[in-house]
């Protein structure tokens, strides 16, 4: 399919994927083209000042997390298209501008118009820029990941500007502060509604935690409140991106203080994960918990949103054949995970954020991206195109008993995760 309003490099890449798919995988190509073009056609807004705003989809706001994932597959061709690289660099600039406004917010407006998910939210800071101020550790990790990946895939360094440097200092401050949330953090969040996961316990401060070396997160990548506030997948992600920070400020824009802080934090958090986040599954195997509090409590589960435990190798925390990861993976892709569902049309990991028996295409894509069996990847891709309800696009959650029932008509992040799995099947990967 031809699209008149996308860059020529993107159309050539889509044509290349179509050729690779051939007649055997025509359905993959059809959905790939629709999904890969959709993000550029519907969510990307380039501003005159060189910044880029990326809508999450059917909500008129930009998430720091989603926006990174939405453009990540384009990095595979950005090295050959300076304008596409400019668009991504503009997104990095916008993300770090937002972090400068407030590192605790997770989603922002395109302009300071005061639009918000709930105008009655109670928290310690307010701003007309916030769409929502649910503090999520992964929201600080994703912009760092994108900044690094842009450099790794294009060689560009111009986005490592003063706003970026100031933003990194704020990120380090927050991660350090949230290692001792009870004593040092000003953050609280209360939403007056009857959905428990929309608000934090104890007047917005969250359930108690002990010092573990890990960094506290109020909410999960699903925007649901944590049960125990050391969210292990997000801390895994932090270990990786803090390593990027150490490399950037050692080799590219030397700053001994930032590099030292980032390296120390990365090592401290990793030690906290390996010491406090290992638990036993029902079979007695050592696995990673999803959340812990350092006080002896743990949740054995996984959520479809990334970072997830299933995504640990995709994020770069461990190898795909790491024994603890493999044991964790077996546990998550089975009945011991309360959010694993299987039905006649699909099976995989869902989320408490969506109805029971709804599997997320994002989780299916991650399942494929973290396995080394090419036939298994193909089976997942076949399944994903079979459950798109004839839209040629991916959704948020899909009912395992009836794929015509799904959540979110328009979900760009899910579209691009599917694209990344198609690319991965053909050996095309974003350098990290």
Protein backbone atom coordinates (compact mmCIF):
# COMPACT_ATOMS: atom_id res chain seq x y z
CA UNK A 1 0.00 0.00 0.00
CA UNK A 2 1.21 3.52 -0.84
CA UNK A 3 0.90 6.49 1.52
CA UNK A 4 1.32 10.03 0.16
CA UNK A 5 2.01 11.76 3.50
CA UNK A 6 4.88 9.74 4.91
CA UNK A 7 8.63 10.13 4.26
CA UNK A 8 10.04 8.34 1.24
CA UNK A 9 12.43 6.42 3.49
CA UNK A 10 9.50 5.06 5.49
CA UNK A 11 7.65 4.00 2.34
CA UNK A 12 10.78 2.26 1.04
CA UNK A 13 11.15 0.43 4.33
CA UNK A 14 7.52 -0.66 4.24
CA UNK A 15 8.02 -1.89 0.69
CA UNK A 16 11.09 -3.82 1.86
CA UNK A 17 9.12 -5.47 4.67
CA UNK A 18 6.35 -6.32 2.19
CA UNK A 19 8.91 -7.98 -0.07
CA UNK A 20 10.36 -9.94 2.83
CA UNK A 21 6.91 -11.13 3.88
CA UNK A 22 6.14 -12.34 0.37
CA UNK A 23 3.03 -14.35 -0.38
CA UNK A 24 3.50 -16.53 2.69
CA UNK A 25 3.01 -13.67 5.13
CA UNK A 26 0.86 -11.19 3.23
CA UNK A 27 -1.25 -10.55 6.33
CA UNK A 28 1.84 -9.51 8.29
CA UNK A 29 2.78 -7.01 5.57
CA UNK A 30 -0.73 -5.59 5.41
CA UNK A 31 -0.84 -4.96 9.16
CA UNK A 32 2.77 -3.80 9.30
CA UNK A 33 2.16 -1.14 6.67
CA UNK A 34 -1.01 0.08 8.36
CA UNK A 35 0.60 0.20 11.80
CA UNK A 36 3.95 1.66 10.71
CA UNK A 37 2.29 4.49 8.78
CA UNK A 38 -0.39 5.11 11.39
CA UNK A 39 1.91 6.59 14.02
CA UNK A 40 3.33 9.19 11.63
CA UNK A 41 -0.05 9.98 10.12
CA UNK A 42 -2.06 10.30 13.32
CA UNK A 43 0.11 11.01 16.37
CA UNK A 44 3.21 13.05 15.41
CA UNK A 45 3.03 16.84 15.64
CA UNK A 46 6.17 18.76 14.76
CA UNK A 47 6.53 22.26 16.19
CA UNK A 48 8.29 25.29 14.71
CA UNK A 49 10.85 25.29 17.54
CA UNK A 50 12.13 21.84 16.51
CA UNK A 51 10.32 19.88 19.21
CA UNK A 52 7.94 17.01 18.54
CA UNK A 53 4.70 16.17 20.38
CA UNK A 54 3.43 12.59 20.06
CA UNK A 55 -0.16 11.78 21.01
CA UNK A 56 -0.68 8.44 22.72
CA UNK A 57 -3.67 7.77 20.45
CA UNK A 58 -7.26 8.26 21.50
CA UNK A 59 -6.31 10.50 24.47
CA UNK A 60 -5.18 14.09 23.66
CA UNK A 61 -1.97 13.92 25.69
CA UNK A 62 1.61 12.70 25.44
CA UNK A 63 3.01 10.07 27.78
CA UNK A 64 6.78 10.04 28.29
CA UNK A 65 6.65 6.23 28.11
CA UNK A 66 4.29 5.72 25.19
CA UNK A 67 5.85 8.38 22.99
CA UNK A 68 9.25 6.67 23.17
CA UNK A 69 7.81 3.27 22.29
CA UNK A 70 5.76 4.82 19.48
CA UNK A 71 8.82 6.06 17.57
CA UNK A 72 11.39 3.41 18.55
CA UNK A 73 11.01 1.23 15.40
CA UNK A 74 11.74 4.28 13.20
CA UNK A 75 15.25 4.33 14.64
CA UNK A 76 16.11 1.40 12.38
CA UNK A 77 15.96 3.74 9.38
CA UNK A 78 16.66 7.12 11.01
CA UNK A 79 20.36 6.79 10.26
CA UNK A 80 19.54 7.09 6.55
CA UNK A 81 16.95 9.87 6.90
CA UNK A 82 18.09 13.09 8.60
CA UNK A 83 14.58 14.52 8.72
CA UNK A 84 13.20 11.44 10.44
CA UNK A 85 16.08 11.65 12.91
CA UNK A 86 15.20 15.33 13.43
CA UNK A 87 11.64 14.31 14.32
CA UNK A 88 12.91 11.86 16.94
CA UNK A 89 15.44 14.34 18.29
CA UNK A 90 12.58 16.82 18.60
CA UNK A 91 10.70 14.30 20.72
CA UNK A 92 13.72 13.88 23.01
CA UNK A 93 13.83 17.66 23.42
CA UNK A 94 10.12 17.78 24.23
CA UNK A 95 10.43 14.93 26.74
CA UNK A 96 13.27 16.60 28.60
CA UNK A 97 11.46 19.93 28.50
CA UNK A 98 8.58 18.19 30.27
CA UNK A 99 10.92 16.59 32.80
CA UNK A 100 12.19 20.11 33.50
CA UNK A 101 8.62 21.19 34.24
CA UNK A 102 8.07 18.29 36.64
CA UNK A 103 9.80 14.88 36.79
CA UNK A 104 6.91 13.36 38.73
CA UNK A 105 4.30 13.80 35.99
CA UNK A 106 3.68 10.96 33.56
CA UNK A 107 1.58 12.65 30.84
CA UNK A 108 1.56 16.19 29.47
CA UNK A 109 -0.50 18.57 27.36
CA UNK A 110 0.78 19.99 24.09
CA UNK A 111 0.41 23.48 25.56
CA UNK A 112 -0.36 24.79 29.07
CA UNK A 113 -4.12 24.59 28.58
CA UNK A 114 -5.04 22.99 31.90
CA UNK A 115 -6.57 19.88 30.32
CA UNK A 116 -6.42 16.96 32.70
CA UNK A 117 -7.72 13.45 33.29
CA UNK A 118 -9.27 14.58 36.58
CA UNK A 119 -9.21 18.22 37.74
CA UNK A 120 -9.78 17.13 41.34
CA UNK A 121 -6.56 15.13 41.71
CA UNK A 122 -4.70 15.96 44.92
CA UNK A 123 -0.91 16.10 44.74
CA UNK A 124 1.89 18.36 45.97
CA UNK A 125 2.42 20.30 42.70
CA UNK A 126 -0.01 21.52 40.05
CA UNK A 127 0.58 22.85 36.54
CA UNK A 128 -1.53 23.56 33.44
CA UNK A 129 0.98 21.37 31.57
CA UNK A 130 -0.05 18.16 33.38
CA UNK A 131 -2.55 15.77 31.87
CA UNK A 132 -1.79 13.45 34.77
CA UNK A 133 0.71 13.37 37.64
CA UNK A 134 1.03 9.72 38.52
CA UNK A 135 4.68 9.15 39.37
CA UNK A 136 6.05 6.16 37.47
CA UNK A 137 9.74 5.34 37.56
CA UNK A 138 9.62 4.04 33.98
CA UNK A 139 8.46 7.48 32.77
CA UNK A 140 11.90 8.81 33.64
CA UNK A 141 13.64 5.82 32.04
CA UNK A 142 12.05 5.96 28.61
CA UNK A 143 13.32 9.42 27.53
CA UNK A 144 16.86 8.42 28.53
CA UNK A 145 16.48 5.23 26.52
CA UNK A 146 15.30 7.18 23.47
CA UNK A 147 18.14 9.70 23.75
CA UNK A 148 20.70 6.88 23.88
CA UNK A 149 19.12 4.85 21.09
CA UNK A 150 18.98 7.91 18.83
CA UNK A 151 22.72 8.34 19.30
CA UNK A 152 23.44 4.62 18.91
CA UNK A 153 21.49 4.36 15.66
CA UNK A 154 22.38 7.68 14.00
CA UNK A 155 25.56 8.94 15.68
CA UNK A 156 23.80 12.19 16.59
CA UNK A 157 24.75 14.08 19.72
CA UNK A 158 22.99 17.44 19.27
CA UNK A 159 20.08 16.36 21.47
CA UNK A 160 22.50 16.09 24.41
CA UNK A 161 21.95 19.79 25.05
CA UNK A 162 21.58 21.92 28.18
CA UNK A 163 17.94 20.92 28.63
CA UNK A 164 18.95 17.27 28.44
CA UNK A 165 21.76 17.74 30.98
CA UNK A 166 19.49 19.62 33.39
CA UNK A 167 16.84 16.94 32.94
CA UNK A 168 19.30 14.16 33.71
CA UNK A 169 20.27 15.90 36.95
CA UNK A 170 16.60 16.08 37.92
CA UNK A 171 16.09 12.42 37.07
CA UNK A 172 19.04 11.42 39.25
CA UNK A 173 17.72 13.58 42.08
CA UNK A 174 14.29 11.94 41.93
CA UNK A 175 15.60 8.37 41.70
CA UNK A 176 17.89 9.02 44.68
CA UNK A 177 15.10 10.70 46.65
CA UNK A 178 12.75 7.80 46.00
CA UNK A 179 15.24 5.31 47.39
CA UNK A 180 14.00 6.66 50.72
CA UNK A 181 10.46 7.65 49.88
CA UNK A 182 9.11 7.89 53.43
CA UNK A 183 11.79 10.23 54.73
CA UNK A 184 12.70 12.30 51.69
CA UNK A 185 9.92 12.40 49.12
CA UNK A 186 7.41 15.26 48.85
CA UNK A 187 5.22 13.26 46.46
CA UNK A 188 1.69 12.10 47.15
CA UNK A 189 -1.29 11.42 44.90
CA UNK A 190 -4.98 11.04 45.67
CA UNK A 191 -7.79 10.70 43.14
CA UNK A 192 -11.28 10.83 44.61
CA UNK A 193 -12.96 7.90 42.89
CA UNK A 194 -14.18 4.38 43.64
CA UNK A 195 -11.38 2.63 41.71
CA UNK A 196 -8.66 1.66 44.23
CA UNK A 197 -5.87 1.48 41.63
CA UNK A 198 -6.38 5.14 40.68
CA UNK A 199 -5.08 6.47 43.98
CA UNK A 200 -2.29 5.74 46.48
CA UNK A 201 -3.00 4.36 49.94
CA UNK A 202 -2.28 6.17 53.21
CA UNK A 203 -3.40 9.61 52.07
CA UNK A 204 -1.52 9.35 48.81
CA UNK A 205 1.82 8.21 50.22
CA UNK A 206 1.53 4.52 49.30
CA UNK A 207 2.00 1.37 51.34
CA UNK A 208 5.10 1.16 53.61
CA UNK A 209 8.48 0.09 52.26
CA UNK A 210 11.91 -0.62 53.75
CA UNK A 211 15.29 0.51 52.41
CA UNK A 212 16.40 -1.94 49.71
CA UNK A 213 18.50 0.15 47.34
CA UNK A 214 15.69 0.06 44.77
CA UNK A 215 13.77 3.21 43.87
CA UNK A 216 10.11 3.70 44.76
CA UNK A 217 7.38 4.04 42.13
CA UNK A 218 3.84 5.17 42.84
CA UNK A 219 2.27 3.63 39.78
CA UNK A 220 2.88 0.87 37.25
CA UNK A 221 3.34 1.44 33.49
CA UNK A 222 -0.40 0.67 33.25
CA UNK A 223 -1.01 3.85 35.32
CA UNK A 224 -2.45 1.59 38.06
CA UNK A 225 -1.22 2.04 41.61
CA UNK A 226 1.47 -0.35 42.81
CA UNK A 227 0.55 -2.83 45.53
CA UNK A 228 4.12 -2.81 46.87
CA UNK A 229 6.14 0.12 45.67
CA UNK A 230 9.41 -1.40 44.56
CA UNK A 231 8.25 -2.20 41.05
CA UNK A 232 10.88 -4.68 39.91
CA UNK A 233 10.62 -4.34 36.08
CA UNK A 234 10.89 -0.54 36.35
CA UNK A 235 13.93 -0.87 38.59
CA UNK A 236 15.44 -3.27 36.04
CA UNK A 237 14.86 -0.62 33.38
CA UNK A 238 16.46 2.00 35.61
CA UNK A 239 19.60 -0.13 35.95
CA UNK A 240 19.93 -0.20 32.16
CA UNK A 241 19.27 3.47 31.42
CA UNK A 242 21.49 4.65 34.25
CA UNK A 243 24.21 2.69 32.48
CA UNK A 244 23.44 4.75 29.37
CA UNK A 245 23.76 7.93 31.42
CA UNK A 246 27.14 6.82 32.74
CA UNK A 247 28.37 6.17 29.18
CA UNK A 248 27.03 9.46 27.82
CA UNK A 249 28.65 11.50 30.58
CA UNK A 250 31.90 9.58 30.40
CA UNK A 251 32.47 9.35 26.64
CA UNK A 252 30.33 12.00 24.90
CA UNK A 253 29.80 14.99 27.21
CA UNK A 254 32.17 14.26 30.10
CA UNK A 255 30.81 15.16 33.53
CA UNK A 256 32.44 13.21 36.33
CA UNK A 257 29.73 13.98 38.88
CA UNK A 258 26.82 12.80 36.71
CA UNK A 259 28.69 9.71 35.52
CA UNK A 260 29.64 8.76 39.07
CA UNK A 261 26.10 9.26 40.41
CA UNK A 262 24.56 7.26 37.57
CA UNK A 263 27.03 4.40 37.95
CA UNK A 264 26.52 4.22 41.71
CA UNK A 265 22.73 4.28 41.37
CA UNK A 266 22.74 1.58 38.71
CA UNK A 267 24.87 -0.73 40.85
CA UNK A 268 22.87 0.00 44.01
CA UNK A 269 19.53 -0.70 42.34
CA UNK A 270 20.80 -3.88 40.69
CA UNK A 271 22.04 -5.12 44.05
CA UNK A 272 18.61 -4.31 45.53
CA UNK A 273 16.84 -6.32 42.83
CA UNK A 274 19.10 -9.33 43.15
CA UNK A 275 18.90 -9.25 46.97
CA UNK A 276 15.24 -8.44 47.58
CA UNK A 277 13.26 -9.29 44.41
CA UNK A 278 14.09 -13.00 44.10
CA UNK A 279 11.32 -15.27 45.38
CA UNK A 280 10.19 -18.86 44.85
CA UNK A 281 7.42 -19.93 42.53
CA UNK A 282 5.01 -22.80 43.22
CA UNK A 283 7.56 -25.29 41.86
CA UNK A 284 10.28 -24.00 44.18
CA UNK A 285 12.25 -22.29 41.41
CA UNK A 286 13.87 -18.91 41.99
CA UNK A 287 12.11 -16.20 40.01
CA UNK A 288 11.76 -12.42 40.04
CA UNK A 289 8.73 -10.95 41.80
CA UNK A 290 6.77 -8.19 40.10
CA UNK A 291 6.66 -5.96 43.18
CA UNK A 292 8.21 -6.12 46.64
CA UNK A 293 8.36 -3.82 49.64
CA UNK A 294 11.50 -4.98 51.45
CA UNK A 295 9.30 -5.97 54.39
CA UNK A 296 8.69 -9.53 53.25
CA UNK A 297 5.78 -8.95 50.88
CA UNK A 298 5.88 -9.77 47.17
CA UNK A 299 3.54 -10.06 44.19
CA UNK A 300 4.09 -12.92 41.75
CA UNK A 301 2.50 -11.74 38.50
CA UNK A 302 3.24 -9.76 35.39
CA UNK A 303 1.42 -6.96 33.63
CA UNK A 304 1.27 -6.52 29.87
CA UNK A 305 2.62 -2.98 29.94
CA UNK A 306 6.36 -2.50 29.39
CA UNK A 307 8.54 -2.51 31.43
CA UNK A 308 7.39 -5.94 32.48
CA UNK A 309 9.24 -8.93 33.86
CA UNK A 310 8.72 -10.70 30.54
CA UNK A 311 10.49 -7.78 28.83
CA UNK A 312 13.67 -7.94 30.93
CA UNK A 313 15.94 -9.10 28.04
CA UNK A 314 14.24 -6.66 25.64
CA UNK A 315 15.09 -3.84 28.02
CA UNK A 316 18.67 -5.08 28.31
CA UNK A 317 18.66 -6.13 31.97
CA UNK A 318 19.57 -9.77 31.36
CA UNK A 319 20.11 -12.32 28.60
CA UNK A 320 17.16 -14.20 27.16
CA UNK A 321 18.72 -17.48 28.34
CA UNK A 322 19.41 -16.31 31.90
CA UNK A 323 18.21 -19.14 34.20
CA UNK A 324 16.29 -16.90 36.61
CA UNK A 325 14.64 -15.11 33.71
CA UNK A 326 13.64 -18.41 32.08
CA UNK A 327 12.09 -19.66 35.31
CA UNK A 328 10.30 -16.33 35.68
CA UNK A 329 9.10 -16.52 32.08
CA UNK A 330 7.67 -20.02 32.54
CA UNK A 331 5.81 -18.80 35.61
CA UNK A 332 4.42 -15.70 33.93
CA UNK A 333 3.20 -17.61 30.87
CA UNK A 334 1.09 -19.91 32.97
CA UNK A 335 -1.66 -20.09 35.54
CA UNK A 336 0.49 -18.89 38.42
CA UNK A 337 0.31 -15.43 36.88
CA UNK A 338 -3.25 -14.24 37.69
CA UNK A 339 -3.23 -12.09 34.54
CA UNK A 340 -2.38 -14.88 32.13
CA UNK A 341 -5.39 -15.88 30.06
CA UNK A 342 -5.96 -18.58 27.44
CA UNK A 343 -8.92 -19.04 25.15
CA UNK A 344 -9.87 -20.35 21.71
CA UNK A 345 -8.50 -17.32 19.86
CA UNK A 346 -5.39 -16.26 21.73
CA UNK A 347 -3.47 -16.62 24.97
CA UNK A 348 -1.02 -14.47 26.85
CA UNK A 349 -0.66 -11.79 29.49
CA UNK A 350 -3.31 -9.17 30.19
CA UNK A 351 -3.58 -6.56 32.89
CA UNK A 352 -5.72 -5.57 35.87
CA UNK A 353 -6.11 -2.34 33.88
CA UNK A 354 -8.44 -4.12 31.43
CA UNK A 355 -11.21 -6.73 31.84
CA UNK A 356 -10.52 -10.33 32.78
CA UNK A 357 -9.67 -12.64 29.87
CA UNK A 358 -8.35 -9.77 27.76
CA UNK A 359 -4.82 -10.39 26.44
CA UNK A 360 -2.69 -7.45 25.28
CA UNK A 361 -1.04 -7.53 21.85
CA UNK A 362 1.84 -5.61 23.46
CA UNK A 363 2.50 -8.60 25.74
CA UNK A 364 2.26 -11.02 22.81
CA UNK A 365 4.79 -8.91 20.90
CA UNK A 366 7.13 -8.89 23.89
CA UNK A 367 6.72 -12.66 24.18
CA UNK A 368 7.98 -12.93 20.60
CA UNK A 369 10.74 -10.36 20.98
CA UNK A 370 12.18 -12.22 23.98
CA UNK A 371 12.15 -15.74 22.57
CA UNK A 372 14.86 -17.23 20.37
CA UNK A 373 12.62 -19.63 18.41
CA UNK A 374 11.81 -18.19 14.99
CA UNK A 375 8.83 -20.51 14.53
CA UNK A 376 7.39 -19.29 17.83
CA UNK A 377 7.77 -15.69 16.65
CA UNK A 378 5.92 -16.54 13.44
CA UNK A 379 3.10 -18.20 15.37
CA UNK A 380 2.66 -15.10 17.51
CA UNK A 381 2.60 -12.84 14.44
CA UNK A 382 0.01 -15.09 12.79
CA UNK A 383 -2.09 -14.85 15.94
CA UNK A 384 -1.79 -11.07 16.20
CA UNK A 385 -3.09 -10.47 12.68
CA UNK A 386 -5.88 -12.99 13.31
CA UNK A 387 -7.21 -11.10 16.34
CA UNK A 388 -7.20 -7.54 14.91
CA UNK A 389 -11.01 -7.63 14.31
CA UNK A 390 -10.43 -6.75 10.66
CA UNK A 391 -8.91 -3.34 11.45
CA UNK A 392 -5.30 -4.14 10.39
CA UNK A 393 -4.28 -2.40 13.64
CA UNK A 394 -3.43 -3.60 17.13
CA UNK A 395 -5.57 -2.80 20.15
CA UNK A 396 -4.96 -2.47 23.87
CA UNK A 397 -6.63 -5.67 25.09
CA UNK A 398 -8.41 -8.39 23.11
CA UNK A 399 -10.88 -10.91 24.54
CA UNK A 400 -9.49 -14.43 24.30
CA UNK A 401 -13.01 -15.74 23.67
CA UNK A 402 -14.11 -13.19 21.05
CA UNK A 403 -11.53 -10.98 19.25
CA UNK A 404 -14.25 -8.60 18.07
CA UNK A 405 -14.31 -7.44 21.69
CA UNK A 406 -11.35 -5.22 22.46
CA UNK A 407 -10.32 -2.07 24.32
CA UNK A 408 -9.06 1.07 22.56
CA UNK A 409 -9.76 1.47 18.89
CA UNK A 410 -6.56 3.45 18.47
CA UNK A 411 -3.40 2.57 20.40
CA UNK A 412 -0.19 3.59 18.67
CA UNK A 413 2.16 1.92 21.18
CA UNK A 414 0.58 -1.46 20.47
CA UNK A 415 0.83 -0.89 16.71
CA UNK A 416 4.54 -0.19 16.89
CA UNK A 417 5.31 -3.16 19.13
CA UNK A 418 3.77 -5.37 16.44
CA UNK A 419 5.96 -3.67 13.84
CA UNK A 420 9.06 -4.25 15.94
CA UNK A 421 8.27 -7.97 16.16
CA UNK A 422 7.88 -8.20 12.37
CA UNK A 423 11.22 -6.44 11.98
CA UNK A 424 12.83 -8.73 14.55
CA UNK A 425 11.59 -11.82 12.69
CA UNK A 426 13.51 -10.65 9.62
CA UNK A 427 16.62 -9.77 11.65
CA UNK A 428 16.09 -5.98 11.60
CA UNK A 429 16.72 -4.58 15.06
CA UNK A 430 17.23 -1.21 16.69
CA UNK A 431 20.83 -0.95 17.90
CA UNK A 432 21.24 -0.43 21.61
